[in-house]
Amino acid sequence: MAKLTISLVYLVPLVIIASSWAQGRMTQAIRIGVLMLLPICYLMHWYLLERMSGWPTDLQIPEQFELVAANVVEPHKTLNRDGSIYLWIRTRLEEPPRSFELEYSRELHTKIVEAQRRLDEGVRQYGNASSGRESGDQGSSGKGGMMLELRDLTERQLPAKTF
């Protein structure tokens, strides 16, 4: 259903413009303006869809959150690829999780891998994010000098996973 809706969002303006164009209702200036404006509208639409459809966002992480899952992509010099750290977090229990992308750092990588290991053991992980290093050396630096601190929830939610 979503694919049909998205297709109609792209198709309906084209049909309206083509109909008006074919019937000669548009002046030359309006035609040129529409031709220049339509691709910009579609690019804005694509950009907004990308931010809503589960793609990782580069927006600021909330100050307090629960870590649901994490993935670390290490830098690869031969492929000329920067590393990234992807976090799937939620701010409140009743809200759906949101994906965030952080710049790679070795310190943050270590902290995230340890938090993911604890998640796999069934221990919920909570985090705090702040900008800068106001609180000394605690936490790990991420995007834009952001500090990330992860901790265990004291109660165990799930039994340890065995594979």
Protein backbone atom coordinates (compact mmCIF):
# COMPACT_ATOMS: atom_id res chain seq x y z
CA MET A 1 0.00 0.00 0.00
CA ALA A 2 2.84 2.40 0.86
CA LYS A 3 4.47 1.83 -2.54
CA LEU A 4 1.19 2.66 -4.28
CA THR A 5 0.81 5.86 -2.25
CA ILE A 6 4.36 6.97 -3.00
CA SER A 7 3.86 6.22 -6.69
CA LEU A 8 0.67 8.31 -6.74
CA VAL A 9 2.45 11.19 -5.03
CA TYR A 10 4.91 11.24 -7.93
CA LEU A 11 2.38 10.49 -10.66
CA VAL A 12 -0.48 12.90 -9.85
CA PRO A 13 1.52 16.14 -10.29
CA LEU A 14 2.90 14.87 -13.59
CA VAL A 15 -0.60 14.08 -14.88
CA ILE A 16 -1.90 17.52 -13.86
CA ILE A 17 1.04 19.29 -15.48
CA ALA A 18 0.85 17.17 -18.65
CA SER A 19 -2.90 17.84 -18.95
CA SER A 20 -2.48 21.58 -18.55
CA TRP A 21 0.47 21.57 -20.92
CA ALA A 22 -1.39 19.63 -23.61
CA GLN A 23 -4.40 21.92 -23.46
CA GLY A 24 -2.20 25.00 -23.86
CA ARG A 25 -3.29 26.67 -20.61
CA MET A 26 0.25 27.51 -19.53
CA THR A 27 2.33 30.41 -20.72
CA GLN A 28 5.95 29.83 -21.66
CA ALA A 29 7.21 31.39 -18.38
CA ILE A 30 4.98 29.13 -16.27
CA ARG A 31 6.14 26.05 -18.20
CA ILE A 32 9.78 26.89 -17.58
CA GLY A 33 9.08 27.58 -13.90
CA VAL A 34 7.25 24.29 -13.46
CA LEU A 35 10.01 22.37 -15.21
CA MET A 36 12.57 23.88 -12.85
CA LEU A 37 10.44 23.51 -9.71
CA LEU A 38 9.25 19.92 -10.17
CA PRO A 39 12.67 18.21 -9.79
CA ILE A 40 13.38 20.30 -6.70
CA CYS A 41 10.08 19.19 -5.16
CA TYR A 42 10.87 15.55 -5.92
CA LEU A 43 14.36 15.84 -4.39
CA MET A 44 12.90 17.41 -1.24
CA HIS A 45 10.29 14.66 -1.10
CA TRP A 46 12.98 11.97 -1.45
CA TYR A 47 15.07 13.61 1.28
CA LEU A 48 12.12 13.68 3.67
CA LEU A 49 11.15 10.08 2.88
CA GLU A 50 14.70 8.95 3.53
CA ARG A 51 14.67 10.54 6.99
CA MET A 52 11.33 8.94 7.89
CA SER A 53 11.63 5.44 6.50
CA GLY A 54 14.13 3.96 8.94
CA TRP A 55 17.35 5.21 7.38
CA PRO A 56 19.88 6.24 10.03
CA THR A 57 19.67 9.91 10.88
CA ASP A 58 22.58 12.15 11.68
CA LEU A 59 20.50 14.28 14.06
CA GLN A 60 21.60 14.78 17.66
CA ILE A 61 21.04 11.74 19.88
CA PRO A 62 18.61 12.36 22.77
CA GLU A 63 20.22 13.04 26.15
CA GLN A 64 18.77 9.86 27.70
CA PHE A 65 17.94 6.71 25.78
CA GLU A 66 17.72 2.93 25.83
CA LEU A 67 20.06 1.09 23.47
CA VAL A 68 18.13 -1.53 21.49
CA ALA A 69 20.93 -2.64 19.13
CA ALA A 70 24.20 -1.44 17.64
CA ASN A 71 26.36 -2.09 14.59
CA VAL A 72 29.95 -0.97 14.06
CA VAL A 73 31.42 -0.58 10.56
CA GLU A 74 35.17 -0.17 10.86
CA PRO A 75 37.11 2.13 8.54
CA HIS A 76 38.69 0.41 5.54
CA LYS A 77 41.67 2.29 4.12
CA THR A 78 42.10 0.20 0.96
CA LEU A 79 38.44 0.75 0.03
CA ASN A 80 38.67 4.40 1.10
CA ARG A 81 35.67 3.94 3.40
CA ASP A 82 35.15 5.88 6.62
CA GLY A 83 33.87 3.93 9.57
CA SER A 84 30.44 4.45 11.10
CA ILE A 85 28.64 3.41 14.23
CA TYR A 86 24.92 2.76 13.98
CA LEU A 87 22.74 2.81 17.09
CA TRP A 88 19.13 1.77 17.31
CA ILE A 89 17.71 3.57 20.34
CA ARG A 90 14.43 4.61 21.90
CA THR A 91 13.73 7.42 24.31
CA ARG A 92 10.61 5.94 25.94
CA LEU A 93 9.47 2.37 26.25
CA GLU A 94 6.23 2.95 24.33
CA GLU A 95 7.92 4.68 21.37
CA PRO A 96 9.36 2.80 18.40
CA PRO A 97 13.16 2.79 18.16
CA ARG A 98 15.06 5.19 15.87
CA SER A 99 18.31 4.62 14.03
CA PHE A 100 21.24 7.03 14.49
CA GLU A 101 24.59 7.20 12.71
CA LEU A 102 27.74 8.34 14.52
CA GLU A 103 31.25 8.97 13.28
CA TYR A 104 33.64 6.12 14.00
CA SER A 105 36.15 6.33 16.83
CA ARG A 106 38.12 3.46 18.37
CA GLU A 107 37.07 4.49 21.89
CA LEU A 108 33.37 4.55 20.99
CA HIS A 109 33.75 1.28 19.07
CA THR A 110 35.05 -0.48 22.20
CA LYS A 111 32.25 0.91 24.34
CA ILE A 112 29.53 -0.06 21.83
CA VAL A 113 30.85 -3.61 21.37
CA GLU A 114 30.81 -4.11 25.15
CA ALA A 115 27.26 -2.72 25.40
CA GLN A 116 26.12 -5.02 22.56
CA ARG A 117 27.68 -7.99 24.34
CA ARG A 118 25.73 -7.09 27.49
CA LEU A 119 22.53 -6.76 25.42
CA ASP A 120 23.14 -10.25 24.03
CA GLU A 121 23.35 -11.50 27.62
CA GLY A 122 19.91 -10.01 28.29
CA VAL A 123 21.00 -6.93 30.24
CA ARG A 124 19.25 -3.76 29.11
CA GLN A 125 21.55 -0.85 28.30
CA TYR A 126 20.78 2.78 29.01
CA GLY A 127 22.77 5.74 27.82
CA ASN A 128 23.40 9.41 28.32
CA ALA A 129 24.62 11.73 25.60
CA SER A 130 26.12 15.15 26.15
CA SER A 131 28.19 17.56 24.11
CA GLY A 132 31.83 18.08 25.01
CA ARG A 133 33.85 16.76 27.91
CA GLU A 134 32.35 18.61 30.87
CA SER A 135 32.52 15.59 33.17
CA GLY A 136 36.20 14.72 32.85
CA ASP A 137 37.27 11.62 30.97
CA GLN A 138 34.11 9.53 31.33
CA GLY A 139 32.29 8.33 28.24
CA SER A 140 33.41 8.12 24.66
CA SER A 141 33.65 10.83 22.10
CA GLY A 142 31.41 10.46 19.08
CA LYS A 143 30.16 12.85 16.42
CA GLY A 144 31.01 16.49 17.01
CA GLY A 145 32.74 15.85 20.33
CA MET A 146 29.59 14.28 21.76
CA MET A 147 30.05 12.20 24.90
CA LEU A 148 28.26 8.87 25.13
CA GLU A 149 28.01 6.92 28.37
CA LEU A 150 26.34 3.49 28.51
CA ARG A 151 25.35 1.58 31.64
CA ASP A 152 23.47 -1.56 32.67
CA LEU A 153 19.97 -1.59 34.00
CA THR A 154 20.25 -3.43 37.31
CA GLU A 155 17.39 -5.86 36.70
CA ARG A 156 17.80 -8.64 34.16
CA GLN A 157 15.04 -8.76 31.53
CA LEU A 158 15.91 -11.87 29.50
CA PRO A 159 17.97 -14.98 30.15
CA ALA A 160 21.39 -15.10 28.53
CA LYS A 161 21.29 -16.24 24.92
CA THR A 162 23.08 -19.42 23.99
CA PHE A 163 23.83 -20.25 20.38
